[in-house]
Protein backbone atom coordinates (compact mmCIF):
# COMPACT_ATOMS: atom_id res chain seq x y z
CA THR A 1 -48.17 -14.59 13.55
CA GLU A 2 -45.89 -12.06 15.60
CA ALA A 3 -47.84 -9.41 14.63
CA GLN A 4 -51.19 -10.98 15.57
CA TRP A 5 -49.65 -11.89 18.96
CA GLU A 6 -48.68 -8.42 19.61
CA TYR A 7 -52.00 -7.00 18.62
CA ALA A 8 -53.57 -9.58 21.00
CA CYS A 9 -51.37 -8.72 23.82
CA ARG A 10 -51.84 -4.99 23.59
CA ALA A 11 -55.57 -5.32 23.56
CA GLY A 12 -55.87 -1.63 22.45
CA SER A 13 -53.24 -0.30 25.03
CA ALA A 14 -50.46 1.96 24.22
CA THR A 15 -48.33 1.07 27.20
CA PRO A 16 -45.19 -1.36 27.20
CA LEU A 17 -47.57 -3.67 29.13
CA PHE A 18 -51.24 -4.02 28.81
CA PHE A 19 -51.55 -2.93 32.63
CA GLY A 20 -49.17 0.06 32.31
CA ASP A 21 -45.40 0.74 32.48
CA THR A 22 -42.48 -1.41 33.05
CA GLY A 23 -42.47 -0.22 36.73
CA ALA A 24 -46.11 -1.09 37.39
CA ASP A 25 -47.19 -3.59 39.99
CA PHE A 26 -47.34 -6.74 37.99
CA SER A 27 -48.25 -9.04 40.67
CA LYS A 28 -52.13 -9.08 39.84
CA PHE A 29 -51.67 -9.30 36.08
CA ALA A 30 -48.43 -11.38 35.33
CA ASN A 31 -46.20 -14.02 36.59
CA LEU A 32 -42.70 -12.60 36.19
CA ALA A 33 -39.31 -12.60 38.05
CA ASP A 34 -40.09 -11.10 41.63
CA GLN A 35 -39.69 -12.03 45.23
CA ALA A 36 -41.21 -15.56 44.66
CA VAL A 37 -38.70 -16.71 42.23
CA LEU A 38 -36.25 -16.72 45.29
CA GLY A 39 -38.00 -20.20 46.07
CA LEU A 40 -35.57 -21.71 43.33
CA VAL A 41 -32.47 -21.16 45.52
CA ARG A 42 -31.25 -22.48 48.92
CA ARG A 43 -31.24 -20.03 51.85
CA ASP A 44 -27.49 -19.92 51.90
CA SER A 45 -27.08 -19.43 48.12
CA PRO A 46 -26.42 -16.23 46.56
CA LYS A 47 -29.43 -14.37 45.13
CA TRP A 48 -28.08 -14.66 41.66
CA ILE A 49 -31.70 -14.80 39.80
CA PRO A 50 -32.39 -11.49 38.11
CA ARG A 51 -35.91 -10.34 39.59
CA ASP A 52 -37.95 -7.16 40.61
CA ASP A 53 -37.95 -7.49 44.45
CA ARG A 54 -40.59 -4.80 44.87
CA PHE A 55 -43.41 -7.38 43.92
CA ASN A 56 -44.51 -10.74 44.63
CA ASP A 57 -46.93 -12.59 42.36
CA ALA A 58 -46.81 -15.90 44.34
CA SER A 59 -45.63 -18.17 41.86
CA VAL A 60 -42.19 -19.64 41.91
CA VAL A 61 -42.36 -20.91 38.34
CA THR A 62 -45.40 -21.47 36.18
CA ALA A 63 -48.89 -20.84 37.47
CA ASP A 64 -52.33 -22.22 36.35
CA VAL A 65 -53.79 -20.36 33.45
CA GLY A 66 -56.16 -17.74 34.44
CA ARG A 67 -54.45 -17.02 37.92
CA TYR A 68 -53.87 -13.49 37.01
CA GLN A 69 -56.29 -10.71 35.68
CA PRO A 70 -56.72 -10.91 31.74
CA ASN A 71 -56.38 -8.13 29.41
CA ALA A 72 -59.04 -5.75 28.31
CA TRP A 73 -59.92 -8.45 25.61
CA GLY A 74 -60.21 -11.45 28.17
CA LEU A 75 -56.85 -12.90 27.22
CA PHE A 76 -54.80 -14.53 30.07
CA ASP A 77 -51.01 -14.66 30.68
CA MET A 78 -50.00 -12.47 27.61
CA HIS A 79 -47.17 -11.14 29.85
CA GLY A 80 -45.17 -13.84 31.62
CA ASN A 81 -45.91 -17.32 32.80
CA VAL A 82 -44.37 -18.84 29.68
CA ALA A 83 -43.07 -17.03 26.54
CA GLU A 84 -45.00 -18.13 23.49
CA TRP A 85 -43.84 -19.42 20.29
CA THR A 86 -45.15 -17.58 17.13
CA ARG A 87 -45.52 -18.84 13.53
CA SER A 88 -43.34 -15.83 12.42
CA GLU A 89 -39.61 -16.43 11.29
CA TYR A 90 -37.36 -13.93 12.98
CA ARG A 91 -36.22 -11.18 10.77
CA ALA A 92 -35.49 -7.54 11.48
CA TYR A 93 -37.98 -4.66 11.32
CA PRO A 94 -39.55 -2.99 9.64
CA TYR A 95 -42.39 -5.80 9.68
CA LYS A 96 -43.69 -6.92 6.49
CA ASP A 97 -46.48 -9.37 6.46
CA ASP A 98 -45.95 -10.34 2.83
CA ASP A 99 -41.93 -11.01 2.89
CA GLY A 100 -42.35 -14.87 3.67
CA ARG A 101 -41.72 -14.64 7.46
CA ASN A 102 -45.08 -16.07 8.16
CA ALA A 103 -44.96 -19.09 5.79
CA ASP A 104 -45.37 -22.67 7.48
CA ASN A 105 -42.15 -23.57 5.55
CA ALA A 106 -39.90 -20.73 6.63
CA ALA A 107 -36.46 -22.22 7.86
CA GLY A 108 -35.10 -19.72 9.96
CA PRO A 109 -35.45 -19.16 13.80
CA ARG A 110 -38.87 -18.37 15.23
CA VAL A 111 -40.13 -15.41 17.19
CA VAL A 112 -40.96 -15.87 20.80
CA ARG A 113 -43.03 -13.25 22.69
CA GLY A 114 -44.24 -12.44 26.10
CA GLY A 115 -41.64 -13.12 28.67
CA SER A 116 -42.01 -15.90 31.41
CA TRP A 117 -41.84 -16.34 34.84
CA TYR A 118 -38.09 -16.17 34.87
CA ASP A 119 -38.10 -12.55 33.01
CA ARG A 120 -38.30 -9.25 34.50
CA PRO A 121 -40.94 -6.71 33.02
CA MET A 122 -38.63 -5.17 30.45
CA ARG A 123 -38.41 -8.64 28.73
CA ALA A 124 -42.12 -9.20 28.79
CA ARG A 125 -43.27 -5.84 26.95
CA SER A 126 -45.78 -6.11 24.31
CA SER A 127 -42.93 -5.29 21.82
CA PHE A 128 -40.21 -7.45 23.22
CA ARG A 129 -39.19 -10.22 20.93
CA LEU A 130 -36.55 -13.13 21.09
CA SER A 131 -35.49 -15.78 18.56
CA TYR A 132 -34.64 -19.38 18.95
CA PRO A 133 -34.28 -22.14 16.42
CA ALA A 134 -37.67 -23.98 15.96
CA TRP A 135 -36.34 -27.45 16.89
CA ARG A 136 -34.96 -25.95 20.17
CA GLN A 137 -36.70 -27.13 23.39
CA VAL A 138 -36.77 -23.94 25.74
CA TYR A 139 -37.49 -24.50 29.46
CA ASN A 140 -39.60 -21.24 29.64
CA VAL A 141 -41.35 -21.23 26.48
CA GLY A 142 -44.56 -22.90 25.40
CA LEU A 143 -47.37 -22.16 23.08
CA ARG A 144 -50.96 -20.80 22.73
CA ILE A 145 -53.37 -22.80 20.79
CA VAL A 146 -55.17 -20.47 18.29
CA ILE A 147 -57.86 -21.40 15.99
CA GLU A 148 -58.21 -19.45 12.79
CA SER A 149 -61.67 -19.40 11.55
CA ASP A 150 -63.47 -18.50 8.09
CA ALA A 151 -65.78 -15.56 9.18
CA LYS A 152 -68.45 -16.87 6.52
CA ALA A 153 -68.46 -20.38 8.04
CA LEU A 154 -68.74 -18.71 11.55
CA ALA A 155 -71.74 -16.78 10.49
CA SER A 156 -73.28 -19.54 9.05
CA VAL A 157 -72.64 -21.85 12.33
CA ASN A 158 -74.52 -19.13 14.39
CA VAL A 159 -77.42 -18.65 12.03
CA GLY A 160 -79.54 -21.48 13.32
CA LYS A 161 -79.02 -20.62 17.10
């Protein structure tokens, strides 16, 4: 869900990005729009892509998972690389877990979180959210596979080890 994604992204931090403020050097932690994104344009083209020229994360577009440092909980690419679909339907705050937004059959647009290689830090904050129709293919949005487990079943599996 959207709430689970934000909780995992923050990993106990209270800052806009798990590694600091939006002005922090993100090049070790996230693949965001920076000097490297200029590799998309020809030398004689105008520098039209919004970016943060102070930093260079060395990736023009997507990077291999794990290239950048993980958050405190060991999760990689929570900010940048590709934004991520969530199960949650886009609805206004305040967030209510029991209002149907997380139902599998919710019909409205879905929440996208995390920002991508094409976004500056402001659009990659832990709290920043976008919405797209669930059917839309978006060039800089992907997904993270999450397996929900039953704690009792997990405990019983580990008993014999």
